Amino acid sequence: MKVDGFYVVGRETPDGTIRFLQTYMAGNMPTRHWGEMEFADRYLVFEDAKKAGENTPRQYESDGPATVWRIEVTATKEKKEE
C-alpha cells in the first residue's frame, strides 16, 4: 500500500548522475544546492514542484533541464515463513 508521496526537482548531469534541488538559509539569504535525494525540497503538489523547477537556473551549462520527479513510498507486509 502507498503510505506517502511527494515531488522533488531533479537535474541530470552529463555523466548521468541525478542531483536534486535543496533550498537552505545561508545567513539571511535562501541558497539553492544540487545534491542527494534525501535532502531535496519536497513538494506535495505537482504544480508547486514544476514552478520551482522552471525558476531554477542551471548550475553548469552542460546540465540538463530541471524536471519534476514523483517519489512514492510504499509499505508491504512481510509474511513469516513457517
PDB file of N, CA and C in Angstrom:
ATOM      1  N   MET A   1       0.833  -1.165   0.000  1.00  0.00           N
ATOM      2  CA  MET A   1       0.000   0.000   0.000  1.00  0.00           C
ATOM      3  C   MET A   1       0.884   1.235   0.000  1.00  0.00           C
ATOM      4  N   LYS A   2       0.419   2.279  -0.653  1.00  0.00           N
ATOM      5  CA  LYS A   2       1.144   3.543  -0.691  1.00  0.00           C
ATOM      6  C   LYS A   2       0.964   4.253   0.643  1.00  0.00           C
ATOM      7  N   VAL A   3       2.069   4.664   1.268  1.00  0.00           N
ATOM      8  CA  VAL A   3       1.983   5.329   2.568  1.00  0.00           C
ATOM      9  C   VAL A   3       2.404   6.794   2.505  1.00  0.00           C
ATOM     10  N   ASP A   4       3.070   7.194   1.438  1.00  0.00           N
ATOM     11  CA  ASP A   4       3.499   8.581   1.321  1.00  0.00           C
ATOM     12  C   ASP A   4       3.834   8.858  -0.136  1.00  0.00           C
ATOM     13  N   GLY A   5       3.764  10.103  -0.519  1.00  0.00           N
ATOM     14  CA  GLY A   5       4.125  10.508  -1.865  1.00  0.00           C
ATOM     15  C   GLY A   5       4.381  11.991  -1.913  1.00  0.00           C
ATOM     16  N   PHE A   6       5.353  12.390  -2.719  1.00  0.00           N
ATOM     17  CA  PHE A   6       5.686  13.796  -2.861  1.00  0.00           C
ATOM     18  C   PHE A   6       6.479  13.965  -4.150  1.00  0.00           C
ATOM     19  N   TYR A   7       6.799  15.199  -4.475  1.00  0.00           N
ATOM     20  CA  TYR A   7       7.550  15.521  -5.685  1.00  0.00           C
ATOM     21  C   TYR A   7       8.846  16.222  -5.304  1.00  0.00           C
ATOM     22  N   VAL A   8       9.876  16.030  -6.125  1.00  0.00           N
ATOM     23  CA  VAL A   8      11.152  16.715  -5.962  1.00  0.00           C
ATOM     24  C   VAL A   8      11.575  17.233  -7.336  1.00  0.00           C
ATOM     25  N   VAL A   9      12.480  18.205  -7.346  1.00  0.00           N
ATOM     26  CA  VAL A   9      13.016  18.743  -8.589  1.00  0.00           C
ATOM     27  C   VAL A   9      14.412  18.176  -8.763  1.00  0.00           C
ATOM     28  N   GLY A  10      14.670  17.572  -9.930  1.00  0.00           N
ATOM     29  CA  GLY A  10      15.967  16.969 -10.192  1.00  0.00           C
ATOM     30  C   GLY A  10      16.549  17.447 -11.503  1.00  0.00           C
ATOM     31  N   ARG A  11      17.845  17.230 -11.648  1.00  0.00           N
ATOM     32  CA  ARG A  11      18.542  17.614 -12.868  1.00  0.00           C
ATOM     33  C   ARG A  11      19.613  16.569 -13.146  1.00  0.00           C
ATOM     34  N   GLU A  12      19.697  16.160 -14.404  1.00  0.00           N
ATOM     35  CA  GLU A  12      20.687  15.155 -14.791  1.00  0.00           C
ATOM     36  C   GLU A  12      21.971  15.838 -15.255  1.00  0.00           C
ATOM     37  N   THR A  13      23.100  15.352 -14.742  1.00  0.00           N
ATOM     38  CA  THR A  13      24.398  15.893 -15.137  1.00  0.00           C
ATOM     39  C   THR A  13      24.896  15.119 -16.369  1.00  0.00           C
ATOM     40  N   PRO A  14      25.915  15.617 -17.052  1.00  0.00           N
ATOM     41  CA  PRO A  14      26.414  14.945 -18.254  1.00  0.00           C
ATOM     42  C   PRO A  14      26.860  13.493 -18.023  1.00  0.00           C
ATOM     43  N   ASP A  15      27.301  13.164 -16.811  1.00  0.00           N
ATOM     44  CA  ASP A  15      27.737  11.785 -16.540  1.00  0.00           C
ATOM     45  C   ASP A  15      26.573  10.863 -16.158  1.00  0.00           C
ATOM     46  N   GLY A  16      25.335  11.383 -16.185  1.00  0.00           N
ATOM     47  CA  GLY A  16      24.157  10.564 -15.900  1.00  0.00           C
ATOM     48  C   GLY A  16      23.695  10.581 -14.457  1.00  0.00           C
ATOM     49  N   THR A  17      24.412  11.284 -13.594  1.00  0.00           N
ATOM     50  CA  THR A  17      24.026  11.392 -12.190  1.00  0.00           C
ATOM     51  C   THR A  17      22.841  12.335 -12.058  1.00  0.00           C
ATOM     52  N   ILE A  18      21.906  11.989 -11.177  1.00  0.00           N
ATOM     53  CA  ILE A  18      20.776  12.867 -10.911  1.00  0.00           C
ATOM     54  C   ILE A  18      21.049  13.617  -9.610  1.00  0.00           C
ATOM     55  N   ARG A  19      20.913  14.920  -9.654  1.00  0.00           N
ATOM     56  CA  ARG A  19      21.056  15.771  -8.479  1.00  0.00           C
ATOM     57  C   ARG A  19      19.716  16.439  -8.213  1.00  0.00           C
ATOM     58  N   PHE A  20      19.395  16.623  -6.942  1.00  0.00           N
ATOM     59  CA  PHE A  20      18.097  17.150  -6.556  1.00  0.00           C
ATOM     60  C   PHE A  20      18.251  18.488  -5.856  1.00  0.00           C
ATOM     61  N   LEU A  21      17.253  19.348  -6.050  1.00  0.00           N
ATOM     62  CA  LEU A  21      17.281  20.710  -5.534  1.00  0.00           C
ATOM     63  C   LEU A  21      17.018  20.753  -4.038  1.00  0.00           C
ATOM     64  N   GLN A  22      17.893  21.457  -3.339  1.00  0.00           N
ATOM     65  CA  GLN A  22      17.751  21.671  -1.898  1.00  0.00           C
ATOM     66  C   GLN A  22      17.878  23.165  -1.649  1.00  0.00           C
ATOM     67  N   THR A  23      16.948  23.726  -0.889  1.00  0.00           N
ATOM     68  CA  THR A  23      16.999  25.133  -0.507  1.00  0.00           C
ATOM     69  C   THR A  23      17.284  25.224   0.988  1.00  0.00           C
ATOM     70  N   TYR A  24      18.223  26.077   1.357  1.00  0.00           N
ATOM     71  CA  TYR A  24      18.539  26.270   2.770  1.00  0.00           C
ATOM     72  C   TYR A  24      18.923  27.730   2.980  1.00  0.00           C
ATOM     73  N   MET A  25      18.970  28.146   4.225  1.00  0.00           N
ATOM     74  CA  MET A  25      19.310  29.528   4.550  1.00  0.00           C
ATOM     75  C   MET A  25      20.808  29.649   4.808  1.00  0.00           C
ATOM     76  N   ALA A  26      21.447  30.594   4.143  1.00  0.00           N
ATOM     77  CA  ALA A  26      22.845  30.936   4.387  1.00  0.00           C
ATOM     78  C   ALA A  26      22.825  32.365   4.920  1.00  0.00           C
ATOM     79  N   GLY A  27      22.857  32.496   6.235  1.00  0.00           N
ATOM     80  CA  GLY A  27      22.652  33.807   6.847  1.00  0.00           C
ATOM     81  C   GLY A  27      21.196  34.199   6.685  1.00  0.00           C
ATOM     82  N   ASN A  28      20.940  35.296   6.016  1.00  0.00           N
ATOM     83  CA  ASN A  28      19.570  35.753   5.781  1.00  0.00           C
ATOM     84  C   ASN A  28      19.081  35.460   4.367  1.00  0.00           C
ATOM     85  N   MET A  29      19.900  34.800   3.569  1.00  0.00           N
ATOM     86  CA  MET A  29      19.562  34.582   2.164  1.00  0.00           C
ATOM     87  C   MET A  29      19.279  33.106   1.882  1.00  0.00           C
ATOM     88  N   PRO A  30      18.174  32.823   1.201  1.00  0.00           N
ATOM     89  CA  PRO A  30      17.942  31.432   0.781  1.00  0.00           C
ATOM     90  C   PRO A  30      18.954  31.049  -0.309  1.00  0.00           C
ATOM     91  N   THR A  31      19.536  29.889  -0.178  1.00  0.00           N
ATOM     92  CA  THR A  31      20.546  29.396  -1.111  1.00  0.00           C
ATOM     93  C   THR A  31      20.089  28.060  -1.658  1.00  0.00           C
ATOM     94  N   ARG A  32      20.376  27.821  -2.929  1.00  0.00           N
ATOM     95  CA  ARG A  32      19.995  26.556  -3.562  1.00  0.00           C
ATOM     96  C   ARG A  32      21.236  25.720  -3.826  1.00  0.00           C
ATOM     97  N   HIS A  33      21.079  24.436  -3.665  1.00  0.00           N
ATOM     98  CA  HIS A  33      22.178  23.490  -3.832  1.00  0.00           C
ATOM     99  C   HIS A  33      21.615  22.252  -4.526  1.00  0.00           C
ATOM    100  N   TRP A  34      22.403  21.641  -5.389  1.00  0.00           N
ATOM    101  CA  TRP A  34      22.008  20.391  -6.043  1.00  0.00           C
ATOM    102  C   TRP A  34      22.765  19.249  -5.377  1.00  0.00           C
ATOM    103  N   GLY A  35      22.027  18.289  -4.809  1.00  0.00           N
ATOM    104  CA  GLY A  35      22.696  17.215  -4.088  1.00  0.00           C
ATOM    105  C   GLY A  35      21.881  15.944  -4.038  1.00  0.00           C
ATOM    106  N   GLU A  36      22.018  15.224  -2.948  1.00  0.00           N
ATOM    107  CA  GLU A  36      21.395  13.916  -2.780  1.00  0.00           C
ATOM    108  C   GLU A  36      19.889  14.017  -2.534  1.00  0.00           C
ATOM    109  N   MET A  37      19.169  12.980  -2.894  1.00  0.00           N
ATOM    110  CA  MET A  37      17.714  12.986  -2.813  1.00  0.00           C
ATOM    111  C   MET A  37      17.180  13.120  -1.393  1.00  0.00           C
ATOM    112  N   GLU A  38      17.874  12.579  -0.396  1.00  0.00           N
ATOM    113  CA  GLU A  38      17.346  12.634   0.967  1.00  0.00           C
ATOM    114  C   GLU A  38      17.279  14.059   1.522  1.00  0.00           C
ATOM    115  N   PHE A  39      18.007  14.994   0.894  1.00  0.00           N
ATOM    116  CA  PHE A  39      17.977  16.390   1.348  1.00  0.00           C
ATOM    117  C   PHE A  39      17.139  17.289   0.441  1.00  0.00           C
ATOM    118  N   ALA A  40      16.530  16.728  -0.575  1.00  0.00           N
ATOM    119  CA  ALA A  40      15.793  17.519  -1.567  1.00  0.00           C
ATOM    120  C   ALA A  40      14.559  18.185  -0.969  1.00  0.00           C
ATOM    121  N   ASP A  41      14.231  19.349  -1.523  1.00  0.00           N
ATOM    122  CA  ASP A  41      12.982  20.020  -1.168  1.00  0.00           C
ATOM    123  C   ASP A  41      11.831  19.125  -1.610  1.00  0.00           C
ATOM    124  N   ARG A  42      10.854  18.951  -0.743  1.00  0.00           N
ATOM    125  CA  ARG A  42       9.702  18.100  -1.045  1.00  0.00           C
ATOM    126  C   ARG A  42       8.477  18.962  -1.274  1.00  0.00           C
ATOM    127  N   TYR A  43       7.764  18.654  -2.326  1.00  0.00           N
ATOM    128  CA  TYR A  43       6.543  19.375  -2.674  1.00  0.00           C
ATOM    129  C   TYR A  43       5.380  18.388  -2.678  1.00  0.00           C
ATOM    130  N   LEU A  44       4.287  18.778  -2.075  1.00  0.00           N
ATOM    131  CA  LEU A  44       3.112  17.910  -2.041  1.00  0.00           C
ATOM    132  C   LEU A  44       2.264  18.062  -3.290  1.00  0.00           C
ATOM    133  N   VAL A  45       2.406  19.186  -3.991  1.00  0.00           N
ATOM    134  CA  VAL A  45       1.600  19.471  -5.172  1.00  0.00           C
ATOM    135  C   VAL A  45       2.517  19.545  -6.396  1.00  0.00           C
ATOM    136  N   PHE A  46       2.157  18.845  -7.452  1.00  0.00           N
ATOM    137  CA  PHE A  46       2.961  18.799  -8.675  1.00  0.00           C
ATOM    138  C   PHE A  46       3.230  20.195  -9.228  1.00  0.00           C
ATOM    139  N   GLU A  47       2.211  21.029  -9.285  1.00  0.00           N
ATOM    140  CA  GLU A  47       2.362  22.368  -9.853  1.00  0.00           C
ATOM    141  C   GLU A  47       3.391  23.205  -9.092  1.00  0.00           C
ATOM    142  N   ASP A  48       3.473  23.048  -7.770  1.00  0.00           N
ATOM    143  CA  ASP A  48       4.477  23.768  -6.976  1.00  0.00           C
ATOM    144  C   ASP A  48       5.887  23.314  -7.348  1.00  0.00           C
ATOM    145  N   ALA A  49       6.071  22.019  -7.516  1.00  0.00           N
ATOM    146  CA  ALA A  49       7.379  21.490  -7.905  1.00  0.00           C
ATOM    147  C   ALA A  49       7.740  21.945  -9.315  1.00  0.00           C
ATOM    148  N   LYS A  50       6.765  21.933 -10.210  1.00  0.00           N
ATOM    149  CA  LYS A  50       7.003  22.365 -11.585  1.00  0.00           C
ATOM    150  C   LYS A  50       7.440  23.827 -11.616  1.00  0.00           C
ATOM    151  N   LYS A  51       6.783  24.677 -10.850  1.00  0.00           N
ATOM    152  CA  LYS A  51       7.120  26.099 -10.785  1.00  0.00           C
ATOM    153  C   LYS A  51       8.532  26.287 -10.216  1.00  0.00           C
ATOM    154  N   ALA A  52       8.888  25.530  -9.191  1.00  0.00           N
ATOM    155  CA  ALA A  52      10.230  25.623  -8.607  1.00  0.00           C
ATOM    156  C   ALA A  52      11.291  25.226  -9.632  1.00  0.00           C
ATOM    157  N   GLY A  53      11.018  24.198 -10.413  1.00  0.00           N
ATOM    158  CA  GLY A  53      11.964  23.766 -11.443  1.00  0.00           C
ATOM    159  C   GLY A  53      12.124  24.770 -12.561  1.00  0.00           C
ATOM    160  N   GLU A  54      11.029  25.429 -12.932  1.00  0.00           N
ATOM    161  CA  GLU A  54      11.083  26.422 -14.003  1.00  0.00           C
ATOM    162  C   GLU A  54      11.871  27.658 -13.587  1.00  0.00           C
ATOM    163  N   ASN A  55      11.862  27.983 -12.316  1.00  0.00           N
ATOM    164  CA  ASN A  55      12.526  29.193 -11.823  1.00  0.00           C
ATOM    165  C   ASN A  55      13.959  28.944 -11.359  1.00  0.00           C
ATOM    166  N   THR A  56      14.518  27.801 -11.689  1.00  0.00           N
ATOM    167  CA  THR A  56      15.845  27.438 -11.213  1.00  0.00           C
ATOM    168  C   THR A  56      16.871  27.514 -12.337  1.00  0.00           C
ATOM    169  N   PRO A  57      17.863  28.389 -12.212  1.00  0.00           N
ATOM    170  CA  PRO A  57      18.896  28.457 -13.259  1.00  0.00           C
ATOM    171  C   PRO A  57      19.800  27.230 -13.216  1.00  0.00           C
ATOM    172  N   ARG A  58      20.434  26.940 -14.340  1.00  0.00           N
ATOM    173  CA  ARG A  58      21.369  25.814 -14.401  1.00  0.00           C
ATOM    174  C   ARG A  58      22.649  26.161 -13.665  1.00  0.00           C
ATOM    175  N   GLN A  59      23.168  25.182 -12.931  1.00  0.00           N
ATOM    176  CA  GLN A  59      24.432  25.390 -12.229  1.00  0.00           C
ATOM    177  C   GLN A  59      25.577  25.419 -13.244  1.00  0.00           C
ATOM    178  N   TYR A  60      25.532  24.486 -14.198  1.00  0.00           N
ATOM    179  CA  TYR A  60      26.522  24.414 -15.265  1.00  0.00           C
ATOM    180  C   TYR A  60      25.770  24.356 -16.585  1.00  0.00           C
ATOM    181  N   GLU A  61      26.322  24.943 -17.611  1.00  0.00           N
ATOM    182  CA  GLU A  61      25.656  24.970 -18.923  1.00  0.00           C
ATOM    183  C   GLU A  61      25.404  23.558 -19.447  1.00  0.00           C
ATOM    184  N   SER A  62      26.263  22.606 -19.094  1.00  0.00           N
ATOM    185  CA  SER A  62      26.135  21.236 -19.595  1.00  0.00           C
ATOM    186  C   SER A  62      25.056  20.432 -18.867  1.00  0.00           C
ATOM    187  N   ASP A  63      24.527  20.955 -17.755  1.00  0.00           N
ATOM    188  CA  ASP A  63      23.478  20.245 -17.016  1.00  0.00           C
ATOM    189  C   ASP A  63      22.185  20.206 -17.818  1.00  0.00           C
ATOM    190  N   GLY A  64      21.429  19.145 -17.626  1.00  0.00           N
ATOM    191  CA  GLY A  64      20.127  19.044 -18.267  1.00  0.00           C
ATOM    192  C   GLY A  64      19.132  19.981 -17.603  1.00  0.00           C
ATOM    193  N   PRO A  65      17.955  20.134 -18.210  1.00  0.00           N
ATOM    194  CA  PRO A  65      16.935  20.996 -17.600  1.00  0.00           C
ATOM    195  C   PRO A  65      16.395  20.375 -16.316  1.00  0.00           C
ATOM    196  N   ALA A  66      15.897  21.217 -15.428  1.00  0.00           N
ATOM    197  CA  ALA A  66      15.293  20.727 -14.187  1.00  0.00           C
ATOM    198  C   ALA A  66      13.965  20.062 -14.525  1.00  0.00           C
ATOM    199  N   THR A  67      13.731  18.899 -13.938  1.00  0.00           N
ATOM    200  CA  THR A  67      12.489  18.163 -14.157  1.00  0.00           C
ATOM    201  C   THR A  67      11.910  17.739 -12.815  1.00  0.00           C
ATOM    202  N   VAL A  68      10.627  17.439 -12.819  1.00  0.00           N
ATOM    203  CA  VAL A  68       9.941  17.023 -11.602  1.00  0.00           C
ATOM    204  C   VAL A  68       9.952  15.500 -11.532  1.00  0.00           C
ATOM    205  N   TRP A  69      10.276  14.982 -10.361  1.00  0.00           N
ATOM    206  CA  TRP A  69      10.296  13.546 -10.104  1.00  0.00           C
ATOM    207  C   TRP A  69       9.268  13.238  -9.030  1.00  0.00           C
ATOM    208  N   ARG A  70       8.474  12.211  -9.250  1.00  0.00           N
ATOM    209  CA  ARG A  70       7.493  11.772  -8.250  1.00  0.00           C
ATOM    210  C   ARG A  70       8.127  10.675  -7.406  1.00  0.00           C
ATOM    211  N   ILE A  71       8.062  10.835  -6.101  1.00  0.00           N
ATOM    212  CA  ILE A  71       8.588   9.850  -5.160  1.00  0.00           C
ATOM    213  C   ILE A  71       7.408   9.199  -4.460  1.00  0.00           C
ATOM    214  N   GLU A  72       7.350   7.897  -4.479  1.00  0.00           N
ATOM    215  CA  GLU A  72       6.294   7.165  -3.789  1.00  0.00           C
ATOM    216  C   GLU A  72       6.921   6.220  -2.780  1.00  0.00           C
ATOM    217  N   VAL A  73       6.397   6.250  -1.582  1.00  0.00           N
ATOM    218  CA  VAL A  73       6.861   5.365  -0.522  1.00  0.00           C
ATOM    219  C   VAL A  73       5.758   4.336  -0.294  1.00  0.00           C
ATOM    220  N   THR A  74       6.132   3.078  -0.360  1.00  0.00           N
ATOM    221  CA  THR A  74       5.157   2.010  -0.160  1.00  0.00           C
ATOM    222  C   THR A  74       5.534   1.154   1.042  1.00  0.00           C
ATOM    223  N   ALA A  75       4.537   0.511   1.600  1.00  0.00           N
ATOM    224  CA  ALA A  75       4.752  -0.415   2.709  1.00  0.00           C
ATOM    225  C   ALA A  75       4.161  -1.769   2.323  1.00  0.00           C
ATOM    226  N   THR A  76       4.931  -2.806   2.537  1.00  0.00           N
ATOM    227  CA  THR A  76       4.491  -4.160   2.222  1.00  0.00           C
ATOM    228  C   THR A  76       4.698  -5.031   3.458  1.00  0.00           C
ATOM    229  N   LYS A  77       3.651  -5.708   3.842  1.00  0.00           N
ATOM    230  CA  LYS A  77       3.756  -6.613   4.991  1.00  0.00           C
ATOM    231  C   LYS A  77       4.472  -7.882   4.565  1.00  0.00           C
ATOM    232  N   GLU A  78       5.492  -8.235   5.305  1.00  0.00           N
ATOM    233  CA  GLU A  78       6.241  -9.463   5.029  1.00  0.00           C
ATOM    234  C   GLU A  78       5.579 -10.609   5.780  1.00  0.00           C
ATOM    235  N   LYS A  79       5.447 -11.735   5.102  1.00  0.00           N
ATOM    236  CA  LYS A  79       4.861 -12.917   5.753  1.00  0.00           C
ATOM    237  C   LYS A  79       5.967 -13.782   6.305  1.00  0.00           C
ATOM    238  N   LYS A  80       5.760 -14.219   7.504  1.00  0.00           N
ATOM    239  CA  LYS A  80       6.734 -15.085   8.150  1.00  0.00           C
ATOM    240  C   LYS A  80       6.608 -16.493   7.559  1.00  0.00           C
ATOM    241  N   GLU A  81       7.743 -17.011   7.106  1.00  0.00           N
ATOM    242  CA  GLU A  81       7.738 -18.366   6.557  1.00  0.00           C
ATOM    243  C   GLU A  81       7.751 -19.378   7.696  1.00  0.00           C
ATOM    244  N   GLU A  82       6.924 -20.395   7.578  1.00  0.00           N
ATOM    245  CA  GLU A  82       6.858 -21.422   8.636  1.00  0.00           C
ATOM    246  C   GLU A  82       7.422 -22.716   8.170  1.00  0.00           C
TER     247      GLU A  82
END
